Protein backbone atom coordinates (compact mmCIF):
# COMPACT_ATOMS: atom_id res chain seq x y z
CA MET A 1 116.22 172.78 142.23
CA THR A 2 118.96 173.40 139.57
CA LYS A 3 121.16 170.69 141.09
CA THR A 4 118.29 168.20 140.88
CA LEU A 5 117.46 169.17 137.28
CA LEU A 6 121.10 168.63 136.28
CA VAL A 7 121.13 165.21 138.05
CA ASN A 8 117.97 164.30 136.15
CA PHE A 9 119.59 165.22 132.89
CA LEU A 10 122.48 162.92 133.83
CA PHE A 11 119.98 160.14 134.47
CA LEU A 12 118.50 160.76 130.98
CA LEU A 13 121.94 160.58 129.44
CA PHE A 14 122.82 157.36 131.27
CA PRO A 15 121.40 154.90 128.60
CA VAL A 16 123.02 156.90 125.75
CA LEU A 17 126.44 156.97 127.49
CA MET A 18 126.34 153.33 128.33
CA HIS A 19 125.50 152.45 124.71
CA LEU A 20 128.24 154.65 123.37
CA ILE A 21 130.87 153.40 125.82
CA PHE A 22 130.14 149.62 125.81
CA PHE A 23 127.96 148.61 122.83
CA GLU A 24 128.34 150.95 119.86
CA ALA A 25 131.40 149.49 118.29
CA LYS A 26 130.42 145.82 119.10
CA TYR A 27 126.96 145.59 117.77
CA PRO A 28 125.04 146.80 114.71
CA VAL A 29 122.27 149.39 114.93
CA ASN A 30 119.43 146.74 114.67
CA PHE A 31 120.78 145.27 117.90
CA ILE A 32 119.24 148.11 119.86
CA ARG A 33 115.74 147.30 118.66
CA LYS A 34 115.95 143.55 119.06
CA ASN A 35 117.61 143.23 122.51
CA ASN A 36 116.70 144.09 125.98
CA TYR A 37 119.72 146.05 127.14
CA MET A 38 118.32 149.42 125.98
CA ILE A 39 114.99 148.55 127.59
CA PHE A 40 116.84 147.78 130.81
CA LEU A 41 118.93 150.97 130.70
CA SER A 42 115.89 153.08 129.95
CA GLY A 43 114.10 151.45 132.83
CA ILE A 44 116.89 152.37 135.17
CA SER A 45 116.87 155.90 133.90
CA MET A 46 113.11 156.15 134.42
CA VAL A 47 113.29 154.79 137.94
CA LEU A 48 116.14 157.11 138.88
CA CYS A 49 114.18 160.13 137.50
CA MET A 50 111.18 159.16 139.64
CA THR A 51 113.38 158.48 142.76
CA PHE A 52 114.96 161.97 142.62
CA PRO A 53 112.24 164.31 141.34
CA ILE A 54 112.54 168.09 140.85
CA LYS A 55 110.92 169.80 143.78
CA PHE A 56 109.75 173.40 143.28
CA GLU A 57 109.50 175.87 146.19
CA PHE A 58 105.70 176.02 146.14
CA GLY A 59 105.35 172.24 146.67
CA PHE A 60 104.99 171.03 143.05
CA ILE A 61 107.02 167.89 142.30
CA PHE A 62 108.10 167.18 138.73
CA ASP A 63 110.11 164.39 137.17
CA LEU A 64 111.31 163.44 133.71
CA ARG A 65 110.20 159.81 133.60
CA TYR A 66 108.30 160.06 130.38
CA ILE A 67 111.31 161.10 128.30
CA PRO A 68 113.00 157.59 128.27
CA PHE A 69 109.51 156.11 127.95
CA ILE A 70 108.72 158.15 124.80
CA ILE A 71 112.14 157.64 123.21
CA THR A 72 111.95 153.89 123.81
CA SER A 73 108.52 153.70 122.40
CA LEU A 74 109.48 155.57 119.26
CA TYR A 75 112.53 153.48 118.55
CA GLY A 76 111.34 150.14 119.86
CA GLY A 77 107.62 149.98 119.38
CA TYR A 78 105.12 148.13 121.60
CA GLY A 79 107.45 145.25 122.40
CA ALA A 80 110.05 147.54 123.88
CA VAL A 81 107.72 149.84 125.77
CA LEU A 82 105.59 147.18 127.47
CA PRO A 83 108.18 146.35 130.15
CA LEU A 84 108.76 150.06 130.74
CA TYR A 85 105.04 150.61 131.08
CA ILE A 86 104.87 147.90 133.75
CA VAL A 87 107.94 149.20 135.60
CA LEU A 88 106.72 152.82 135.49
CA ASN A 89 103.33 152.00 136.92
CA ILE A 90 104.55 149.59 139.60
CA TYR A 91 107.18 151.95 140.80
CA ARG A 92 104.80 154.86 140.81
CA PHE A 93 102.36 152.91 142.95
CA MET A 94 105.29 152.04 145.31
CA ILE A 95 106.15 155.76 145.63
CA GLY A 96 102.55 156.67 146.30
CA GLY A 97 101.34 160.27 146.78
CA ASP A 98 98.90 162.32 144.89
CA GLY A 99 98.50 161.77 141.17
CA ILE A 100 98.76 158.00 140.98
CA LEU A 101 95.64 157.71 138.90
CA LEU A 102 96.67 160.54 136.60
CA SER A 103 100.07 158.93 136.13
CA LEU A 104 98.37 155.63 135.17
CA LEU A 105 96.12 157.53 132.76
CA TYR A 106 98.98 159.42 131.13
CA SER A 107 101.19 156.35 130.85
CA THR A 108 98.32 154.32 129.38
CA ILE A 109 97.67 156.95 126.73
CA TYR A 110 101.41 157.22 125.96
CA PHE A 111 101.62 153.42 125.76
CA SER A 112 98.71 153.11 123.38
CA VAL A 113 99.42 156.07 121.05
CA ILE A 114 103.11 156.76 120.69
CA PRO A 115 104.37 153.22 119.62
CA PHE A 116 101.68 153.35 116.93
CA TRP A 117 103.89 155.98 115.25
CA SER A 118 107.07 153.96 115.63
CA THR A 119 107.28 152.52 112.11
CA LYS A 120 106.50 155.86 110.49
CA PHE A 121 109.12 157.55 112.70
CA LEU A 122 111.82 154.92 111.95
CA ASN A 123 111.18 154.99 108.19
CA SER A 124 111.31 158.80 107.96
CA PRO A 125 114.41 160.72 106.85
CA PRO A 126 116.51 162.28 109.64
CA LYS A 127 115.29 165.81 109.07
CA LYS A 128 111.68 164.68 109.49
CA LYS A 129 112.43 162.76 112.73
CA GLY A 130 112.99 166.03 114.53
CA VAL A 131 109.70 167.28 113.24
CA TYR A 132 107.92 164.05 114.32
CA ARG A 133 109.53 164.22 117.80
CA ARG A 134 108.42 167.80 118.21
CA ASP A 135 104.93 167.08 117.01
CA HIS A 136 104.53 164.08 119.29
CA LEU A 137 105.68 165.99 122.34
CA ILE A 138 103.36 168.89 121.60
CA SER A 139 100.36 166.79 120.79
CA SER A 140 100.84 164.45 123.78
CA HIS A 141 101.31 167.33 126.22
CA ALA A 142 98.48 169.35 124.76
CA LEU A 143 96.05 166.55 125.63
CA PHE A 144 96.77 167.00 129.30
CA ILE A 145 96.73 170.79 129.60
């Protein structure tokens, strides 16, 4: 389980590392929001997290697919998260198993609510961004508990 968790963290760091290695010095910050490479890298990260989920001993399967989805929706808005929404749901249906409808419900709620806060998040000072991220994660997860 620990090995799989660390591999999933590597999958989450993949888009960030690719940006830092290949694109940071070449392109301005606004390039991230206006181009598709971050959407593509986040999609790869999301698919990899779903392909190699964290399996607990008592049969529960958990993956971290919503982390790139939420980050992309906060930084990119609706235009950036729509392709990820489509990829997430198509790949989830391809995987199959229990919880397909719940996954569709959660991703639809995330898709409709979180990008709505994107402008407020991007215009906030850096200290408040951490507070907004925490509040979004707590409120979005509290809905499903």
